[in-house]
Amino acid sequence: MEKITLGGGCFWCTEAIFRRLKGVTKVTSGYAGGKGENPTYSEVSTGETGFVESVQIEFDPKILSLDNLLDVFWATHDPTTLNRQGPDVGTQYKSMIFYQGEKQKEIAEKSKEKMDKSGELKGKIVTQILFLDKFYTAEEYHQNYYEKNKDTNSYCSLVIDPKIEKLINKFNNLVREEGAAMTSGACEDRR
């Protein structure tokens, strides 16, 4: 298994996307890139800690390559906006790739360059690529938020649902059968 940590705006959105990919075995919402120890959601939400809402993705590179995973990353958030994703504004929502080794760094930099040159985006990518120093798991109520709240929270239907629809339409070959998501960290279809 391999791990990579990504910041693509609200971690509820990012987690909901990557939980749907074949080869992903675990997605954990949390915080990366800041200073201090054991940050809380309320501290990170001030925008003063330097931490970014992130997801740590564990995946099988024999099933899902890092290149494909990053293709999904670029397509399911706006990497050209600084400190903002849709209605979410603040430094905690910046676009980030936190690599864990030189090979991941090289793949991430090449992927960013390829996407920047592709003409698919309206602006230049502002995503930062940094070494992952520490990752702190977010509070339990943030884990698998979309699956637990999709029928009761309008943020899910207004912001996350369109991202999932885009994922399924653009990357259907990478999505689990019928868009089924993992449950409790384990991969299984919802049938």
C-alpha atoms as a PDB file:
ATOM      1  CA  MET A   1       0.000   0.000   0.000  1.00  0.00           C
ATOM      2  CA  GLU A   2       1.009   3.587  -0.591  1.00  0.00           C
ATOM      3  CA  LYS A   3      -0.158   6.780   1.144  1.00  0.00           C
ATOM      4  CA  ILE A   4      -0.462  10.346  -0.085  1.00  0.00           C
ATOM      5  CA  THR A   5      -2.044  13.352   1.580  1.00  0.00           C
ATOM      6  CA  LEU A   6      -4.031  15.903  -0.414  1.00  0.00           C
ATOM      7  CA  GLY A   7      -5.684  19.216   0.374  1.00  0.00           C
ATOM      8  CA  GLY A   8      -8.420  20.098  -2.088  1.00  0.00           C
ATOM      9  CA  GLY A   9     -10.750  22.330  -0.086  1.00  0.00           C
ATOM     10  CA  CYS A  10     -13.193  21.029   2.485  1.00  0.00           C
ATOM     11  CA  PHE A  11     -12.113  17.564   3.567  1.00  0.00           C
ATOM     12  CA  TRP A  12     -15.731  16.362   3.517  1.00  0.00           C
ATOM     13  CA  CYS A  13     -15.697  16.848  -0.270  1.00  0.00           C
ATOM     14  CA  THR A  14     -12.250  15.422  -0.865  1.00  0.00           C
ATOM     15  CA  GLU A  15     -12.901  12.355   1.272  1.00  0.00           C
ATOM     16  CA  ALA A  16     -16.218  11.644  -0.492  1.00  0.00           C
ATOM     17  CA  ILE A  17     -14.444  11.681  -3.875  1.00  0.00           C
ATOM     18  CA  PHE A  18     -11.491   9.439  -3.058  1.00  0.00           C
ATOM     19  CA  ARG A  19     -13.535   6.891  -1.094  1.00  0.00           C
ATOM     20  CA  ARG A  20     -15.194   6.003  -4.405  1.00  0.00           C
ATOM     21  CA  LEU A  21     -12.060   4.993  -6.298  1.00  0.00           C
ATOM     22  CA  LYS A  22     -11.038   1.423  -7.020  1.00  0.00           C
ATOM     23  CA  GLY A  23      -7.813   0.593  -5.229  1.00  0.00           C
ATOM     24  CA  VAL A  24      -8.353   3.033  -2.367  1.00  0.00           C
ATOM     25  CA  THR A  25      -8.426   1.135   0.914  1.00  0.00           C
ATOM     26  CA  LYS A  26      -8.693   3.989   3.409  1.00  0.00           C
ATOM     27  CA  VAL A  27      -9.327   7.734   3.440  1.00  0.00           C
ATOM     28  CA  THR A  28      -8.848   9.734   6.622  1.00  0.00           C
ATOM     29  CA  SER A  29      -9.839  13.385   7.050  1.00  0.00           C
ATOM     30  CA  GLY A  30      -7.345  15.481   8.966  1.00  0.00           C
ATOM     31  CA  TYR A  31      -4.939  18.368   9.081  1.00  0.00           C
ATOM     32  CA  ALA A  32      -1.481  18.822   7.522  1.00  0.00           C
ATOM     33  CA  GLY A  33       1.038  21.533   6.808  1.00  0.00           C
ATOM     34  CA  GLY A  34       0.760  23.660   9.927  1.00  0.00           C
ATOM     35  CA  LYS A  35       2.696  24.394  13.060  1.00  0.00           C
ATOM     36  CA  GLY A  36       1.850  23.002  16.464  1.00  0.00           C
ATOM     37  CA  GLU A  37       0.556  19.721  17.796  1.00  0.00           C
ATOM     38  CA  ASN A  38      -2.883  18.081  17.667  1.00  0.00           C
ATOM     39  CA  PRO A  39      -4.869  20.875  16.033  1.00  0.00           C
ATOM     40  CA  THR A  40      -8.634  20.983  16.413  1.00  0.00           C
ATOM     41  CA  TYR A  41     -11.221  21.914  13.818  1.00  0.00           C
ATOM     42  CA  SER A  42     -12.021  25.159  15.626  1.00  0.00           C
ATOM     43  CA  GLU A  43      -8.315  26.107  15.704  1.00  0.00           C
ATOM     44  CA  VAL A  44      -7.759  25.248  12.035  1.00  0.00           C
ATOM     45  CA  SER A  45     -10.929  27.153  11.068  1.00  0.00           C
ATOM     46  CA  THR A  46      -9.378  30.414  12.303  1.00  0.00           C
ATOM     47  CA  GLY A  47      -6.933  30.252   9.388  1.00  0.00           C
ATOM     48  CA  GLU A  48      -4.107  31.144  11.765  1.00  0.00           C
ATOM     49  CA  THR A  49      -2.530  27.699  12.342  1.00  0.00           C
ATOM     50  CA  GLY A  50      -1.192  27.072   8.836  1.00  0.00           C
ATOM     51  CA  PHE A  51      -2.940  23.700   8.795  1.00  0.00           C
ATOM     52  CA  VAL A  52      -4.894  22.649   5.721  1.00  0.00           C
ATOM     53  CA  GLU A  53      -8.005  20.464   5.743  1.00  0.00           C
ATOM     54  CA  SER A  54      -6.592  17.347   4.071  1.00  0.00           C
ATOM     55  CA  VAL A  55      -7.243  13.710   3.415  1.00  0.00           C
ATOM     56  CA  GLN A  56      -4.717  10.938   3.777  1.00  0.00           C
ATOM     57  CA  ILE A  57      -5.367   8.318   1.120  1.00  0.00           C
ATOM     58  CA  GLU A  58      -4.123   4.754   1.373  1.00  0.00           C
ATOM     59  CA  PHE A  59      -4.218   2.996  -1.992  1.00  0.00           C
ATOM     60  CA  ASP A  60      -2.936  -0.018  -3.859  1.00  0.00           C
ATOM     61  CA  PRO A  61      -0.707   1.280  -6.699  1.00  0.00           C
ATOM     62  CA  LYS A  62      -1.233  -1.996  -8.573  1.00  0.00           C
ATOM     63  CA  ILE A  63      -4.922  -1.070  -8.912  1.00  0.00           C
ATOM     64  CA  LEU A  64      -4.787   2.745  -8.923  1.00  0.00           C
ATOM     65  CA  SER A  65      -1.640   4.562 -10.002  1.00  0.00           C
ATOM     66  CA  LEU A  66      -0.609   7.794  -8.330  1.00  0.00           C
ATOM     67  CA  ASP A  67      -0.864   9.453 -11.764  1.00  0.00           C
ATOM     68  CA  ASN A  68      -4.538   8.444 -12.037  1.00  0.00           C
ATOM     69  CA  LEU A  69      -5.207   9.470  -8.451  1.00  0.00           C
ATOM     70  CA  LEU A  70      -3.732  12.917  -9.167  1.00  0.00           C
ATOM     71  CA  ASP A  71      -5.782  13.210 -12.377  1.00  0.00           C
ATOM     72  CA  VAL A  72      -8.867  12.851 -10.179  1.00  0.00           C
ATOM     73  CA  PHE A  73      -7.456  15.396  -7.722  1.00  0.00           C
ATOM     74  CA  TRP A  74      -6.973  18.056 -10.433  1.00  0.00           C
ATOM     75  CA  ALA A  75     -10.436  17.482 -11.911  1.00  0.00           C
ATOM     76  CA  THR A  76     -12.491  17.501  -8.702  1.00  0.00           C
ATOM     77  CA  HIS A  77     -11.399  20.825  -7.221  1.00  0.00           C
ATOM     78  CA  ASP A  78     -10.141  24.149  -8.581  1.00  0.00           C
ATOM     79  CA  PRO A  79      -6.353  24.162  -8.243  1.00  0.00           C
ATOM     80  CA  THR A  80      -6.179  27.697  -9.679  1.00  0.00           C
ATOM     81  CA  THR A  81      -7.818  29.501  -6.752  1.00  0.00           C
ATOM     82  CA  LEU A  82      -5.717  30.509  -3.765  1.00  0.00           C
ATOM     83  CA  ASN A  83      -7.195  29.741  -0.346  1.00  0.00           C
ATOM     84  CA  ARG A  84     -10.646  29.050  -1.717  1.00  0.00           C
ATOM     85  CA  GLN A  85     -12.806  26.207  -3.012  1.00  0.00           C
ATOM     86  CA  GLY A  86     -16.312  27.302  -3.971  1.00  0.00           C
ATOM     87  CA  PRO A  87     -18.056  28.656  -0.877  1.00  0.00           C
ATOM     88  CA  ASP A  88     -15.160  27.688   1.422  1.00  0.00           C
ATOM     89  CA  VAL A  89     -12.687  30.535   1.922  1.00  0.00           C
ATOM     90  CA  GLY A  90      -9.533  30.625   4.049  1.00  0.00           C
ATOM     91  CA  THR A  91      -5.978  29.340   4.162  1.00  0.00           C
ATOM     92  CA  GLN A  92      -7.243  26.012   5.506  1.00  0.00           C
ATOM     93  CA  TYR A  93      -8.805  25.331   2.064  1.00  0.00           C
ATOM     94  CA  LYS A  94      -5.730  25.792  -0.107  1.00  0.00           C
ATOM     95  CA  SER A  95      -4.798  23.222  -2.720  1.00  0.00           C
ATOM     96  CA  MET A  96      -1.904  21.047  -1.542  1.00  0.00           C
ATOM     97  CA  ILE A  97      -0.096  17.824  -2.337  1.00  0.00           C
ATOM     98  CA  PHE A  98       1.874  16.451   0.612  1.00  0.00           C
ATOM     99  CA  TYR A  99       4.299  13.821  -0.654  1.00  0.00           C
ATOM    100  CA  GLN A 100       6.022  11.138   1.435  1.00  0.00           C
ATOM    101  CA  GLY A 101       9.062  10.387  -0.705  1.00  0.00           C
ATOM    102  CA  GLU A 102      11.098  11.614  -3.663  1.00  0.00           C
ATOM    103  CA  LYS A 103       9.256   9.358  -6.119  1.00  0.00           C
ATOM    104  CA  GLN A 104       5.880  10.851  -5.075  1.00  0.00           C
ATOM    105  CA  LYS A 105       7.345  14.351  -5.308  1.00  0.00           C
ATOM    106  CA  GLU A 106       8.578  13.710  -8.854  1.00  0.00           C
ATOM    107  CA  ILE A 107       5.237  12.241  -9.954  1.00  0.00           C
ATOM    108  CA  ALA A 108       3.321  15.145  -8.364  1.00  0.00           C
ATOM    109  CA  GLU A 109       5.517  17.790 -10.016  1.00  0.00           C
ATOM    110  CA  LYS A 110       5.203  16.129 -13.446  1.00  0.00           C
ATOM    111  CA  SER A 111       1.440  15.776 -12.994  1.00  0.00           C
ATOM    112  CA  LYS A 112       1.109  19.455 -12.054  1.00  0.00           C
ATOM    113  CA  GLU A 113       3.200  20.526 -15.038  1.00  0.00           C
ATOM    114  CA  LYS A 114       1.168  18.319 -17.390  1.00  0.00           C
ATOM    115  CA  MET A 115      -2.117  19.730 -16.062  1.00  0.00           C
ATOM    116  CA  ASP A 116      -0.857  23.318 -16.240  1.00  0.00           C
ATOM    117  CA  LYS A 117       0.084  22.838 -19.908  1.00  0.00           C
ATOM    118  CA  SER A 118      -3.106  20.943 -20.824  1.00  0.00           C
ATOM    119  CA  GLY A 119      -5.284  24.023 -21.310  1.00  0.00           C
ATOM    120  CA  GLU A 120      -8.085  22.370 -19.289  1.00  0.00           C
ATOM    121  CA  LEU A 121      -7.925  25.014 -16.565  1.00  0.00           C
ATOM    122  CA  LYS A 122      -8.843  28.708 -16.775  1.00  0.00           C
ATOM    123  CA  GLY A 123      -5.802  29.838 -14.815  1.00  0.00           C
ATOM    124  CA  LYS A 124      -2.393  28.810 -13.554  1.00  0.00           C
ATOM    125  CA  ILE A 125      -2.229  26.120 -10.865  1.00  0.00           C
ATOM    126  CA  VAL A 126      -1.438  27.473  -7.383  1.00  0.00           C
ATOM    127  CA  THR A 127      -1.259  24.043  -5.721  1.00  0.00           C
ATOM    128  CA  GLN A 128       1.747  23.697  -3.443  1.00  0.00           C
ATOM    129  CA  ILE A 129       3.730  20.452  -3.325  1.00  0.00           C
ATOM    130  CA  LEU A 130       5.377  19.911   0.063  1.00  0.00           C
ATOM    131  CA  PHE A 131       6.876  17.099   2.085  1.00  0.00           C
ATOM    132  CA  LEU A 132       4.423  15.719   4.657  1.00  0.00           C
ATOM    133  CA  ASP A 133       5.861  16.480   8.059  1.00  0.00           C
ATOM    134  CA  LYS A 134       2.898  15.344  10.166  1.00  0.00           C
ATOM    135  CA  PHE A 135      -0.721  14.433   9.588  1.00  0.00           C
ATOM    136  CA  TYR A 136      -3.261  14.774  12.386  1.00  0.00           C
ATOM    137  CA  THR A 137      -6.535  12.868  12.144  1.00  0.00           C
ATOM    138  CA  ALA A 138      -9.590  15.129  12.389  1.00  0.00           C
ATOM    139  CA  GLU A 139     -12.307  14.656  14.978  1.00  0.00           C
ATOM    140  CA  GLU A 140     -14.475  11.547  14.550  1.00  0.00           C
ATOM    141  CA  TYR A 141     -17.556  13.471  13.374  1.00  0.00           C
ATOM    142  CA  HIS A 142     -15.592  14.592  10.277  1.00  0.00           C
ATOM    143  CA  GLN A 143     -14.750  11.017   9.226  1.00  0.00           C
ATOM    144  CA  ASN A 144     -16.954   9.712   6.394  1.00  0.00           C
ATOM    145  CA  TYR A 145     -19.017  12.883   6.819  1.00  0.00           C
ATOM    146  CA  TYR A 146     -20.763  12.732   3.460  1.00  0.00           C
ATOM    147  CA  GLU A 147     -22.004   9.168   3.878  1.00  0.00           C
ATOM    148  CA  LYS A 148     -23.324   9.941   7.369  1.00  0.00           C
ATOM    149  CA  ASN A 149     -24.975  13.267   6.461  1.00  0.00           C
ATOM    150  CA  LYS A 150     -25.810  13.304   2.752  1.00  0.00           C
ATOM    151  CA  ASP A 151     -29.567  13.171   3.366  1.00  0.00           C
ATOM    152  CA  THR A 152     -29.651  15.801   6.111  1.00  0.00           C
ATOM    153  CA  ASN A 153     -27.014  18.436   5.292  1.00  0.00           C
ATOM    154  CA  SER A 154     -27.634  20.772   2.345  1.00  0.00           C
ATOM    155  CA  TYR A 155     -23.857  21.301   1.922  1.00  0.00           C
ATOM    156  CA  CYS A 156     -23.675  17.664   0.831  1.00  0.00           C
ATOM    157  CA  SER A 157     -26.316  18.032  -1.868  1.00  0.00           C
ATOM    158  CA  LEU A 158     -25.226  21.475  -3.058  1.00  0.00           C
ATOM    159  CA  VAL A 159     -21.437  21.106  -3.005  1.00  0.00           C
ATOM    160  CA  ILE A 160     -20.406  17.440  -2.714  1.00  0.00           C
ATOM    161  CA  ASP A 161     -23.024  15.769  -4.949  1.00  0.00           C
ATOM    162  CA  PRO A 162     -21.934  17.733  -8.068  1.00  0.00           C
ATOM    163  CA  LYS A 163     -18.297  16.753  -7.435  1.00  0.00           C
ATOM    164  CA  ILE A 164     -19.240  13.081  -7.177  1.00  0.00           C
ATOM    165  CA  GLU A 165     -21.298  13.369 -10.364  1.00  0.00           C
ATOM    166  CA  LYS A 166     -18.304  14.916 -12.148  1.00  0.00           C
ATOM    167  CA  LEU A 167     -16.072  12.106 -10.856  1.00  0.00           C
ATOM    168  CA  ILE A 168     -18.431   9.423 -12.141  1.00  0.00           C
ATOM    169  CA  ASN A 169     -18.872  11.113 -15.535  1.00  0.00           C
ATOM    170  CA  LYS A 170     -15.173  11.811 -16.138  1.00  0.00           C
ATOM    171  CA  PHE A 171     -13.506   8.830 -14.414  1.00  0.00           C
ATOM    172  CA  ASN A 172     -16.108   6.084 -14.569  1.00  0.00           C
ATOM    173  CA  ASN A 173     -13.384   3.492 -15.260  1.00  0.00           C
ATOM    174  CA  LEU A 174     -11.713   4.354 -11.914  1.00  0.00           C
ATOM    175  CA  VAL A 175     -14.890   4.382  -9.817  1.00  0.00           C
ATOM    176  CA  ARG A 176     -16.094   1.401  -7.830  1.00  0.00           C
ATOM    177  CA  GLU A 177     -19.144  -0.337  -9.259  1.00  0.00           C
ATOM    178  CA  GLU A 178     -22.222   1.891  -9.236  1.00  0.00           C
ATOM    179  CA  GLY A 179     -20.170   4.600  -7.465  1.00  0.00           C
ATOM    180  CA  ALA A 180     -20.211   2.553  -4.251  1.00  0.00           C
ATOM    181  CA  ALA A 181     -18.053   3.918  -1.466  1.00  0.00           C
ATOM    182  CA  MET A 182     -15.945   2.328   1.217  1.00  0.00           C
ATOM    183  CA  THR A 183     -17.488   1.895   4.637  1.00  0.00           C
ATOM    184  CA  SER A 184     -15.571   2.243   7.892  1.00  0.00           C
ATOM    185  CA  GLY A 185     -12.197   2.226   6.164  1.00  0.00           C
ATOM    186  CA  ALA A 186     -12.837  -1.053   4.348  1.00  0.00           C
ATOM    187  CA  CYS A 187     -13.681  -1.327   0.683  1.00  0.00           C
ATOM    188  CA  GLU A 188     -17.040  -2.779  -0.148  1.00  0.00           C
ATOM    189  CA  ASP A 189     -19.891  -2.096  -2.533  1.00  0.00           C
ATOM    190  CA  ARG A 190     -23.234  -0.814  -1.267  1.00  0.00           C
ATOM    191  CA  ARG A 191     -25.557  -3.361  -2.798  1.00  0.00           C
END
